[in-house]
Protein backbone atom coordinates (compact mmCIF):
# COMPACT_ATOMS: atom_id res chain seq x y z
CA MET A 1 304.81 137.62 125.82
CA ARG A 2 302.75 137.48 122.62
CA ALA A 3 301.83 141.15 123.03
CA GLN A 4 305.56 141.88 122.88
CA HIS A 5 305.95 139.56 119.86
CA CYS A 6 308.31 137.18 121.68
CA VAL A 7 308.76 133.43 121.83
CA ALA A 8 310.22 131.26 124.60
CA GLY A 9 312.73 128.44 124.52
CA ALA A 10 311.97 126.86 127.91
CA ILE A 11 309.75 127.03 130.96
CA THR A 12 310.84 126.45 134.55
CA VAL A 13 308.20 125.17 136.97
CA SER A 14 308.60 125.16 140.73
CA ILE A 15 306.64 124.02 143.77
CA ARG A 16 307.24 124.34 147.48
CA SER A 17 305.65 123.66 150.81
CA ASN A 18 305.27 126.27 153.56
CA PRO A 19 308.63 127.05 155.22
CA CYS A 20 306.77 128.92 157.97
CA LYS A 21 305.34 125.59 159.17
CA PRO A 22 308.46 123.58 160.01
CA TRP A 23 306.37 120.91 161.75
CA GLU A 24 304.93 119.94 158.34
CA ALA A 25 306.88 117.88 155.81
CA GLN A 26 308.97 120.22 153.66
CA TYR A 27 309.58 120.00 149.92
CA ASN A 28 311.00 122.49 147.44
CA GLN A 29 311.80 121.56 143.86
CA SER A 30 311.96 122.97 140.33
CA ALA A 31 312.47 121.62 136.83
CA VAL A 32 313.32 123.16 133.48
CA ALA A 33 311.27 121.97 130.52
CA PRO A 34 313.01 122.94 127.27
CA LEU A 35 310.84 123.39 124.19
CA HIS A 36 311.70 121.57 120.97
CA GLU A 37 311.17 124.82 119.07
CA LEU A 38 310.76 128.40 120.23
CA SER A 39 307.07 129.06 120.83
CA ALA A 40 304.45 131.44 122.17
CA ASP A 41 301.65 128.87 121.84
CA THR A 42 299.87 128.51 125.18
CA ARG A 43 299.08 124.86 124.47
CA ILE A 44 302.75 124.01 123.97
CA LEU A 45 303.80 126.01 127.03
CA ILE A 46 301.20 124.29 129.22
CA GLN A 47 302.22 120.86 127.92
CA ALA A 48 305.87 121.61 128.77
CA ALA A 49 304.92 122.98 132.22
CA LEU A 50 302.90 119.85 133.00
CA TRP A 51 305.82 117.67 131.89
CA GLY A 52 308.06 119.53 134.34
CA LEU A 53 305.49 119.40 137.12
CA ASN A 54 305.05 115.65 136.69
CA LYS A 55 308.81 115.26 137.17
CA ILE A 56 308.87 117.13 140.50
CA TYR A 57 305.46 116.60 142.11
CA ARG A 58 305.35 114.32 145.15
CA SER A 59 302.14 113.48 146.98
CA GLY A 60 301.90 113.90 150.73
CA TYR A 61 303.03 117.53 150.95
CA ALA A 62 300.91 120.60 151.69
CA TYR A 63 302.05 122.80 148.82
CA LYS A 64 301.85 126.52 149.39
CA LYS A 65 303.40 127.96 146.25
CA ALA A 66 303.79 127.02 142.60
CA GLY A 67 305.31 129.03 139.82
CA GLY A 68 306.30 129.11 136.19
CA MET A 69 308.95 131.20 134.51
CA LEU A 70 309.65 131.46 130.80
CA SER A 71 313.24 131.69 129.63
CA GLY A 72 315.15 131.91 126.40
CA LEU A 73 312.90 134.74 125.27
CA GLU A 74 313.62 136.11 121.81
CA PRO A 75 311.78 138.31 119.34
CA ALA A 76 309.47 136.16 117.22
CA THR A 77 311.13 137.60 114.11
CA ARG A 78 314.41 135.88 115.09
CA ARG A 79 312.75 132.49 115.22
CA GLN A 80 314.30 130.18 112.65
CA ASP A 81 311.87 128.44 110.33
CA SER A 82 311.92 124.68 110.20
CA LEU A 83 311.26 122.48 107.20
CA LEU A 84 309.07 120.35 109.45
CA ILE A 85 306.61 123.15 110.27
CA ASP A 86 303.20 122.96 108.60
CA LYS A 87 302.53 126.59 107.63
CA VAL A 88 298.74 126.12 107.53
CA LYS A 89 298.73 124.51 110.99
CA GLU A 90 301.01 127.27 112.31
CA SER A 91 298.71 129.96 110.88
CA ARG A 92 295.68 128.35 112.55
CA ALA A 93 297.57 128.14 115.85
CA ALA A 94 298.46 131.86 115.61
CA ALA A 95 294.79 132.71 114.97
CA LEU A 96 293.74 130.59 117.97
CA MET A 97 296.28 132.34 120.23
CA GLN A 98 294.98 135.76 119.05
CA ALA A 99 291.44 134.67 119.90
CA MET A 100 292.57 133.46 123.35
CA ASP A 101 294.32 136.77 123.96
CA ARG A 102 291.16 138.70 123.04
CA ILE A 103 289.08 136.54 125.40
CA ASN A 104 291.62 136.99 128.21
CA LEU A 105 291.47 140.76 127.71
CA GLY A 106 287.69 140.69 128.11
CA GLY A 107 286.89 140.98 124.43
CA ALA A 108 289.03 144.06 123.84
CA GLY A 109 291.39 144.09 120.89
CA ALA A 110 294.63 142.30 121.60
C-alpha cells in the first residue's frame, strides 16, 4: 500500500474455524475497525486490527483461518491535513515506515 502511495480508512479482520470438520465447534466472525484518520502507518493498522480481533475472538475454538483486509483506500495526496497533526511526529513516523519497508524487502531500496 505504501509502495503505491495510498492510505487506508479502515481494516476488516476475520477469523473462522474449519468448516471441513463439522464435529468441531464452528465459529466465523468479522469486524470492521475504522481509522480515526486515513493512514498507512503499520503501527496504527495493527492497533486497529487488534481492536477488531478483540471484539470477535472467542476462546474454545480451533481457528483455521484469519485475515485482514484494508478498505477505503485513497491516494495519500488526497488525504486531508488536520490541525491536530504534529508535523514533526508525522515526519518521524513516515521515516520509520520507510525503514520498515526497507527491512521487509531485505535491505533493498523501497
